[in-house]
Structures are given as structure tokens and as C-alpha cells.
C-alpha atoms as a PDB file:
ATOM      1  CA  MET A   1     -34.455   7.346  15.598  1.00  0.00           C
ATOM      2  CA  GLN A   2     -35.232   4.319  14.140  1.00  0.00           C
ATOM      3  CA  THR A   3     -34.261   0.880  15.485  1.00  0.00           C
ATOM      4  CA  TYR A   4     -33.930  -2.732  14.391  1.00  0.00           C
ATOM      5  CA  LYS A   5     -36.001  -5.102  16.301  1.00  0.00           C
ATOM      6  CA  THR A   6     -35.937  -8.066  14.509  1.00  0.00           C
ATOM      7  CA  ARG A   7     -33.676  -9.988  12.089  1.00  0.00           C
ATOM      8  CA  GLU A   8     -36.701  -9.295   9.361  1.00  0.00           C
ATOM      9  CA  ASP A   9     -35.887  -5.469  10.134  1.00  0.00           C
ATOM     10  CA  ILE A  10     -32.374  -6.142   9.251  1.00  0.00           C
ATOM     11  CA  THR A  11     -33.498  -8.339   5.867  1.00  0.00           C
ATOM     12  CA  LYS A  12     -35.809  -5.146   4.952  1.00  0.00           C
ATOM     13  CA  ALA A  13     -32.929  -2.933   5.341  1.00  0.00           C
ATOM     14  CA  LEU A  14     -30.610  -5.108   3.334  1.00  0.00           C
ATOM     15  CA  GLU A  15     -32.878  -5.353   0.722  1.00  0.00           C
ATOM     16  CA  GLN A  16     -33.558  -1.896   0.309  1.00  0.00           C
ATOM     17  CA  LEU A  17     -29.648  -1.233   0.422  1.00  0.00           C
ATOM     18  CA  SER A  18     -29.254  -3.810  -2.108  1.00  0.00           C
ATOM     19  CA  ALA A  19     -31.245  -2.231  -4.741  1.00  0.00           C
ATOM     20  CA  GLN A  20     -29.011   0.801  -4.913  1.00  0.00           C
ATOM     21  CA  ASP A  21     -26.017  -0.961  -4.427  1.00  0.00           C
ATOM     22  CA  ASP A  22     -24.867  -3.882  -6.684  1.00  0.00           C
ATOM     23  CA  ILE A  23     -21.728  -4.871  -4.503  1.00  0.00           C
ATOM     24  CA  LEU A  24     -23.155  -4.909  -1.237  1.00  0.00           C
ATOM     25  CA  ALA A  25     -26.188  -6.744  -3.068  1.00  0.00           C
ATOM     26  CA  ALA A  26     -23.876  -9.586  -3.930  1.00  0.00           C
ATOM     27  CA  ALA A  27     -22.449 -10.111  -0.196  1.00  0.00           C
ATOM     28  CA  PHE A  28     -26.131 -10.042   0.912  1.00  0.00           C
ATOM     29  CA  GLN A  29     -26.615 -12.826  -1.983  1.00  0.00           C
ATOM     30  CA  LYS A  30     -23.921 -14.925  -0.641  1.00  0.00           C
ATOM     31  CA  TYR A  31     -24.376 -14.561   3.108  1.00  0.00           C
ATOM     32  CA  GLY A  32     -27.831 -13.862   3.573  1.00  0.00           C
ATOM     33  CA  THR A  33     -28.989 -11.862   6.620  1.00  0.00           C
ATOM     34  CA  PRO A  34     -26.338 -11.281   9.475  1.00  0.00           C
ATOM     35  CA  PRO A  35     -27.480 -12.316  13.215  1.00  0.00           C
ATOM     36  CA  MET A  36     -28.759  -9.369  15.323  1.00  0.00           C
ATOM     37  CA  ARG A  37     -25.497  -9.826  17.624  1.00  0.00           C
ATOM     38  CA  GLU A  38     -27.150  -8.328  20.224  1.00  0.00           C
ATOM     39  CA  THR A  39     -25.735  -6.591  23.135  1.00  0.00           C
ATOM     40  CA  PRO A  40     -27.596  -5.782  26.681  1.00  0.00           C
ATOM     41  CA  ASP A  41     -27.788  -2.376  27.257  1.00  0.00           C
ATOM     42  CA  GLY A  42     -27.202  -0.762  30.133  1.00  0.00           C
ATOM     43  CA  PHE A  43     -24.151  -1.309  32.500  1.00  0.00           C
ATOM     44  CA  ALA A  44     -23.567  -4.742  31.218  1.00  0.00           C
ATOM     45  CA  GLY A  45     -23.463  -4.028  27.749  1.00  0.00           C
ATOM     46  CA  LEU A  46     -20.862  -0.908  28.002  1.00  0.00           C
ATOM     47  CA  ALA A  47     -18.801  -3.225  30.396  1.00  0.00           C
ATOM     48  CA  ARG A  48     -18.776  -5.976  27.699  1.00  0.00           C
ATOM     49  CA  LEU A  49     -17.540  -3.528  24.911  1.00  0.00           C
ATOM     50  CA  LEU A  50     -14.709  -2.142  27.470  1.00  0.00           C
ATOM     51  CA  ILE A  51     -13.684  -5.698  27.661  1.00  0.00           C
ATOM     52  CA  SER A  52     -13.762  -6.507  23.616  1.00  0.00           C
ATOM     53  CA  GLN A  53     -11.698  -3.089  23.193  1.00  0.00           C
ATOM     54  CA  GLN A  54      -8.459  -4.261  21.226  1.00  0.00           C
ATOM     55  CA  VAL A  55      -8.715  -7.929  21.951  1.00  0.00           C
ATOM     56  CA  SER A  56      -9.801 -11.142  19.612  1.00  0.00           C
ATOM     57  CA  THR A  57     -13.003 -12.308  19.848  1.00  0.00           C
ATOM     58  CA  ALA A  58     -11.747 -15.327  21.500  1.00  0.00           C
ATOM     59  CA  ALA A  59      -9.800 -13.528  24.284  1.00  0.00           C
ATOM     60  CA  ALA A  60     -13.141 -11.061  24.856  1.00  0.00           C
ATOM     61  CA  ALA A  61     -15.364 -14.176  25.113  1.00  0.00           C
ATOM     62  CA  SER A  62     -12.989 -15.965  27.418  1.00  0.00           C
ATOM     63  CA  ILE A  63     -12.562 -12.821  29.698  1.00  0.00           C
ATOM     64  CA  GLN A  64     -16.207 -12.047  29.469  1.00  0.00           C
ATOM     65  CA  ALA A  65     -17.023 -15.645  31.012  1.00  0.00           C
ATOM     66  CA  LYS A  66     -14.653 -15.168  33.898  1.00  0.00           C
ATOM     67  CA  PHE A  67     -15.736 -11.366  34.592  1.00  0.00           C
ATOM     68  CA  ASN A  68     -19.826 -12.904  34.556  1.00  0.00           C
ATOM     69  CA  ALA A  69     -18.606 -15.685  36.989  1.00  0.00           C
ATOM     70  CA  ALA A  70     -17.331 -13.016  39.128  1.00  0.00           C
ATOM     71  CA  MET A  71     -19.989 -10.683  39.316  1.00  0.00           C
ATOM     72  CA  GLY A  72     -22.754 -12.818  39.661  1.00  0.00           C
ATOM     73  CA  ASP A  73     -25.572  -9.931  39.298  1.00  0.00           C
ATOM     74  CA  MET A  74     -24.617  -7.695  36.472  1.00  0.00           C
ATOM     75  CA  GLN A  75     -25.095  -4.686  38.616  1.00  0.00           C
ATOM     76  CA  PRO A  76     -22.148  -1.571  38.993  1.00  0.00           C
ATOM     77  CA  GLU A  77     -22.325  -1.822  42.875  1.00  0.00           C
ATOM     78  CA  ASN A  78     -21.005  -5.613  42.314  1.00  0.00           C
ATOM     79  CA  LEU A  79     -18.173  -4.248  40.156  1.00  0.00           C
ATOM     80  CA  LEU A  80     -17.116  -1.635  42.587  1.00  0.00           C
ATOM     81  CA  ALA A  81     -16.930  -4.743  45.226  1.00  0.00           C
ATOM     82  CA  LEU A  82     -14.486  -6.165  43.495  1.00  0.00           C
ATOM     83  CA  SER A  83     -10.691  -6.316  43.950  1.00  0.00           C
ATOM     84  CA  GLU A  84      -8.127  -5.359  41.687  1.00  0.00           C
ATOM     85  CA  ALA A  85      -6.828  -9.015  42.245  1.00  0.00           C
ATOM     86  CA  GLU A  86     -10.310 -10.366  41.496  1.00  0.00           C
ATOM     87  CA  LEU A  87     -10.573  -8.169  38.300  1.00  0.00           C
ATOM     88  CA  GLY A  88      -7.058  -9.081  36.997  1.00  0.00           C
ATOM     89  CA  ALA A  89      -7.914 -13.020  37.537  1.00  0.00           C
ATOM     90  CA  CYS A  90     -10.609 -12.546  35.375  1.00  0.00           C
ATOM     91  CA  GLY A  91      -7.684 -11.155  32.437  1.00  0.00           C
ATOM     92  CA  ILE A  92      -9.082  -7.531  32.489  1.00  0.00           C
ATOM     93  CA  SER A  93      -6.184  -5.370  32.198  1.00  0.00           C
ATOM     94  CA  ARG A  94      -5.375  -2.550  34.866  1.00  0.00           C
ATOM     95  CA  PRO A  95      -6.446   0.286  32.247  1.00  0.00           C
ATOM     96  CA  LYS A  96      -9.722  -1.473  31.737  1.00  0.00           C
ATOM     97  CA  GLN A  97     -10.263  -1.868  35.409  1.00  0.00           C
ATOM     98  CA  ARG A  98     -10.220   1.955  35.683  1.00  0.00           C
ATOM     99  CA  TYR A  99     -12.501   2.649  33.056  1.00  0.00           C
ATOM    100  CA  MET A 100     -14.910  -0.286  34.322  1.00  0.00           C
ATOM    101  CA  ARG A 101     -14.714   1.194  37.927  1.00  0.00           C
ATOM    102  CA  LEU A 102     -15.384   4.850  36.467  1.00  0.00           C
ATOM    103  CA  LEU A 103     -18.189   3.846  34.776  1.00  0.00           C
ATOM    104  CA  ALA A 104     -19.762   1.863  37.526  1.00  0.00           C
ATOM    105  CA  GLU A 105     -19.052   4.741  39.798  1.00  0.00           C
ATOM    106  CA  ALA A 106     -20.866   7.544  37.176  1.00  0.00           C
ATOM    107  CA  ILE A 107     -23.869   5.019  37.211  1.00  0.00           C
ATOM    108  CA  VAL A 108     -24.270   4.574  40.963  1.00  0.00           C
ATOM    109  CA  SER A 109     -23.711   8.428  41.541  1.00  0.00           C
ATOM    110  CA  ASP A 110     -26.781   9.364  38.943  1.00  0.00           C
ATOM    111  CA  GLY A 111     -24.268  11.012  36.776  1.00  0.00           C
ATOM    112  CA  LEU A 112     -24.654   8.838  34.040  1.00  0.00           C
ATOM    113  CA  ASP A 113     -28.673   8.191  33.272  1.00  0.00           C
ATOM    114  CA  LEU A 114     -28.588   5.020  31.126  1.00  0.00           C
ATOM    115  CA  PRO A 115     -32.263   4.324  30.969  1.00  0.00           C
ATOM    116  CA  ALA A 116     -32.638   8.053  29.622  1.00  0.00           C
ATOM    117  CA  LEU A 117     -30.045   7.483  26.899  1.00  0.00           C
ATOM    118  CA  ARG A 118     -32.096   4.415  25.701  1.00  0.00           C
ATOM    119  CA  LYS A 119     -34.799   7.097  24.414  1.00  0.00           C
ATOM    120  CA  ALA A 120     -32.330   9.760  23.457  1.00  0.00           C
ATOM    121  CA  GLU A 121     -31.321  10.892  19.962  1.00  0.00           C
ATOM    122  CA  ASP A 122     -28.425   8.865  18.523  1.00  0.00           C
ATOM    123  CA  GLY A 123     -26.122  12.186  18.660  1.00  0.00           C
ATOM    124  CA  VAL A 124     -27.006  12.833  22.508  1.00  0.00           C
ATOM    125  CA  VAL A 125     -26.051   9.309  23.418  1.00  0.00           C
ATOM    126  CA  TYR A 126     -22.764   9.255  21.646  1.00  0.00           C
ATOM    127  CA  ASP A 127     -21.926  12.752  23.133  1.00  0.00           C
ATOM    128  CA  THR A 128     -22.540  11.572  26.489  1.00  0.00           C
ATOM    129  CA  LEU A 129     -20.448   8.463  26.179  1.00  0.00           C
ATOM    130  CA  ILE A 130     -17.576   9.374  25.006  1.00  0.00           C
ATOM    131  CA  GLN A 131     -17.290  12.028  27.691  1.00  0.00           C
ATOM    132  CA  LEU A 132     -16.566   8.581  29.929  1.00  0.00           C
ATOM    133  CA  THR A 133     -12.896   7.860  30.336  1.00  0.00           C
ATOM    134  CA  GLY A 134     -12.328   4.612  28.068  1.00  0.00           C
ATOM    135  CA  ILE A 135     -15.315   5.087  26.012  1.00  0.00           C
ATOM    136  CA  GLY A 136     -14.330   6.640  22.468  1.00  0.00           C
ATOM    137  CA  PRO A 137     -16.259   6.379  19.213  1.00  0.00           C
ATOM    138  CA  TRP A 138     -16.134   2.782  18.362  1.00  0.00           C
ATOM    139  CA  THR A 139     -17.134   1.696  21.794  1.00  0.00           C
ATOM    140  CA  ALA A 140     -20.018   4.753  21.911  1.00  0.00           C
ATOM    141  CA  GLN A 141     -21.119   3.730  18.140  1.00  0.00           C
ATOM    142  CA  CYS A 142     -20.971  -0.373  18.851  1.00  0.00           C
ATOM    143  CA  TYR A 143     -23.309   0.352  22.024  1.00  0.00           C
ATOM    144  CA  LEU A 144     -25.738   2.219  19.956  1.00  0.00           C
ATOM    145  CA  LEU A 145     -25.476  -0.383  17.126  1.00  0.00           C
ATOM    146  CA  PHE A 146     -25.625  -3.406  19.256  1.00  0.00           C
ATOM    147  CA  GLY A 147     -27.213  -2.465  22.673  1.00  0.00           C
ATOM    148  CA  LEU A 148     -29.650  -0.082  21.636  1.00  0.00           C
ATOM    149  CA  ARG A 149     -30.315  -1.580  17.843  1.00  0.00           C
ATOM    150  CA  ARG A 150     -29.916   1.897  16.459  1.00  0.00           C
ATOM    151  CA  ALA A 151     -30.507   1.485  12.438  1.00  0.00           C
ATOM    152  CA  ASP A 152     -27.909   4.262  10.980  1.00  0.00           C
ATOM    153  CA  MET A 153     -25.267   3.745  13.323  1.00  0.00           C
ATOM    154  CA  PHE A 154     -21.498   2.778  11.494  1.00  0.00           C
ATOM    155  CA  PRO A 155     -18.582   2.193  13.874  1.00  0.00           C
ATOM    156  CA  ALA A 156     -16.029   3.371  10.720  1.00  0.00           C
ATOM    157  CA  GLY A 157     -12.944   2.683  13.117  1.00  0.00           C
ATOM    158  CA  ASP A 158     -13.420  -1.086  13.463  1.00  0.00           C
ATOM    159  CA  LEU A 159     -10.685  -2.494  11.589  1.00  0.00           C
ATOM    160  CA  ALA A 160     -12.746  -5.521  10.440  1.00  0.00           C
ATOM    161  CA  LEU A 161     -15.224  -3.255   8.690  1.00  0.00           C
ATOM    162  CA  GLN A 162     -12.078  -1.415   7.070  1.00  0.00           C
ATOM    163  CA  GLN A 163     -10.855  -4.323   5.653  1.00  0.00           C
ATOM    164  CA  ALA A 164     -14.249  -5.900   4.567  1.00  0.00           C
ATOM    165  CA  VAL A 165     -14.866  -2.594   2.467  1.00  0.00           C
ATOM    166  CA  ARG A 166     -11.278  -2.608   0.795  1.00  0.00           C
ATOM    167  CA  LEU A 167     -12.105  -6.312  -0.021  1.00  0.00           C
ATOM    168  CA  LEU A 168     -15.502  -6.261  -1.382  1.00  0.00           C
ATOM    169  CA  TYR A 169     -15.064  -2.892  -3.415  1.00  0.00           C
ATOM    170  CA  GLY A 170     -11.555  -3.905  -4.628  1.00  0.00           C
ATOM    171  CA  LEU A 171     -10.061  -0.510  -2.838  1.00  0.00           C
ATOM    172  CA  ASP A 172      -6.264  -0.517  -3.400  1.00  0.00           C
ATOM    173  CA  GLU A 173      -6.000   0.054   0.357  1.00  0.00           C
ATOM    174  CA  ARG A 174      -7.895  -0.019   3.661  1.00  0.00           C
ATOM    175  CA  PRO A 175      -9.922   2.906   4.027  1.00  0.00           C
ATOM    176  CA  ASP A 176      -8.769   4.814   7.384  1.00  0.00           C
ATOM    177  CA  ALA A 177     -11.986   6.063   9.694  1.00  0.00           C
ATOM    178  CA  GLN A 178     -12.898   9.530   8.102  1.00  0.00           C
ATOM    179  CA  THR A 179     -12.834   7.754   4.601  1.00  0.00           C
ATOM    180  CA  LEU A 180     -15.089   4.942   5.674  1.00  0.00           C
ATOM    181  CA  ALA A 181     -17.084   7.079   7.366  1.00  0.00           C
ATOM    182  CA  GLU A 182     -17.732   9.539   4.029  1.00  0.00           C
ATOM    183  CA  PHE A 183     -18.167   6.051   2.380  1.00  0.00           C
ATOM    184  CA  ALA A 184     -20.734   4.609   4.259  1.00  0.00           C
ATOM    185  CA  LEU A 185     -22.841   7.483   3.886  1.00  0.00           C
ATOM    186  CA  ARG A 186     -24.299   6.010   1.058  1.00  0.00           C
ATOM    187  CA  TRP A 187     -25.922   3.464   3.222  1.00  0.00           C
ATOM    188  CA  GLN A 188     -28.047   5.780   5.182  1.00  0.00           C
ATOM    189  CA  PRO A 189     -30.380   5.720   6.933  1.00  0.00           C
ATOM    190  CA  HIS A 190     -29.407   1.953   7.332  1.00  0.00           C
ATOM    191  CA  ARG A 191     -25.866   2.060   8.006  1.00  0.00           C
ATOM    192  CA  GLY A 192     -26.085  -0.202  10.627  1.00  0.00           C
ATOM    193  CA  ALA A 193     -27.487  -3.127   8.424  1.00  0.00           C
ATOM    194  CA  ALA A 194     -24.761  -2.389   6.152  1.00  0.00           C
ATOM    195  CA  ALA A 195     -22.032  -2.540   8.986  1.00  0.00           C
ATOM    196  CA  ARG A 196     -23.745  -6.014  10.251  1.00  0.00           C
ATOM    197  CA  LEU A 197     -23.231  -7.436   6.979  1.00  0.00           C
ATOM    198  CA  LEU A 198     -19.828  -6.499   6.043  1.00  0.00           C
ATOM    199  CA  TRP A 199     -18.708  -7.847   9.362  1.00  0.00           C
ATOM    200  CA  THR A 200     -20.413 -11.079   8.353  1.00  0.00           C
ATOM    201  CA  TYR A 201     -18.691 -10.948   5.003  1.00  0.00           C
ATOM    202  CA  TYR A 202     -15.320 -10.365   6.315  1.00  0.00           C
ATOM    203  CA  ASN A 203     -15.722 -13.261   8.855  1.00  0.00           C
ATOM    204  CA  GLY A 204     -17.031 -15.509   5.955  1.00  0.00           C
ATOM    205  CA  GLU A 205     -13.990 -14.599   3.604  1.00  0.00           C
ATOM    206  CA  GLN A 206     -11.747 -14.948   6.155  1.00  0.00           C
ATOM    207  CA  GLU A 207     -12.860 -18.211   7.166  1.00  0.00           C
ATOM    208  CA  ALA A 208     -12.904 -19.398   3.201  1.00  0.00           C
ATOM    209  CA  ALA A 209      -9.358 -18.164   2.886  1.00  0.00           C
ATOM    210  CA  ARG A 210      -8.224 -20.447   6.079  1.00  0.00           C
ATOM    211  CA  ARG A 211      -9.742 -23.558   4.233  1.00  0.00           C
ATOM    212  CA  LYS A 212      -8.100 -23.218   1.094  1.00  0.00           C
END
């Protein structure tokens, strides 16, 4: 169960991958080591990921800032104390409010032991999280990747990753989640480093296209 503790760990992983993948190596040479993009673990991290579901990065940041102000201390009990109107004022949709309340209730009732998950194997963490309403493969995998910094996690359902691979590898069409998951096997045991680089590559190429 390997983790990335520093950007140097990511650099070393990408150097290993570059030795066996010339195309990925070109992206690494152009964009360098991607940022850690850390997410808090525990309730705070999962709540952040729920907020980020199916909204733009800018929208998620705006909602998160309002949510942080409303919450104060990021504890599940504080979430349960907020009204629907207060959460709605943060920009959180009713379905996401329900997901966040169910998450908070699971933690408060001791049905979800997040500290124990920090030490659990990837598969155990994933299987535990996707049993929760509102948490699917993308959220569980991103929590493993950014919250727990697991090295071999690749959220293949992420549209930006799918587009990045299409662009970088010259594919005729954007791969779906299953196709990309199979494609990403070439980067084991550092699929997480590849994912981080591909996000950086995609954002960089998008920015370059806007400037033209």
C-alpha cells in the first residue's frame, strides 16, 4: 500500500513511468511534476469531494468557501446542525445535502470508521465508501488518491482524464471509464502519478488553446 508523501515521491514515480512510456514522458518533460492537490482526509475531505461532483472547479471553490464559513469547525456534528436553508445558501443542492447528512450520520453513529480506513487496503476503502449513498467510484477513488495519497489509484470515470488521454495519445475518440481503466494498467503501480500528470497536461493544453 504505497502512498505519496511529497512531490518528490511523485517526481520519482513519473521518472519511472517515463522510462517505459515515451508519450507520457513528453508530457512530463513539458509540464514537470504536478502539484500534490491534497484533499483533507476524513469527513472534511469526503464533504469536499461531494461538493465537487459534477460542477466546475470554479463553482466548487465558491461553494466550498461558503460551506467552510457556515461550518466553522469541519465536524460532522456541525453539518447536522445546519438547516436545509443554510446549506442551500452555500450553493449545495438538495441531493448533495442529503448525501452529506447521511455521511455525517454514518460517522457520528460510528458506522463509518474513517480513522480505520486510513490504514486499510485500497480495496477495503473503496468497497466501504461506495456503500454510502452519493459516493460512487469517482468520489471513492479521488478520496483514495487525494485524501489518502494512495499511489496506484486512477479515477477512470473522470472526464478530464479521458480527454487528456485522447489528446495525448491521439485517440480517435474519448475513452469511456472501462476503456480508460484498462488503458491505465500500463502505469501500475503508479497510476496515481500518471493521473496527476494527465490532469496537469489537460489543464495546460486547455489554457494554451484559449490563448490562441
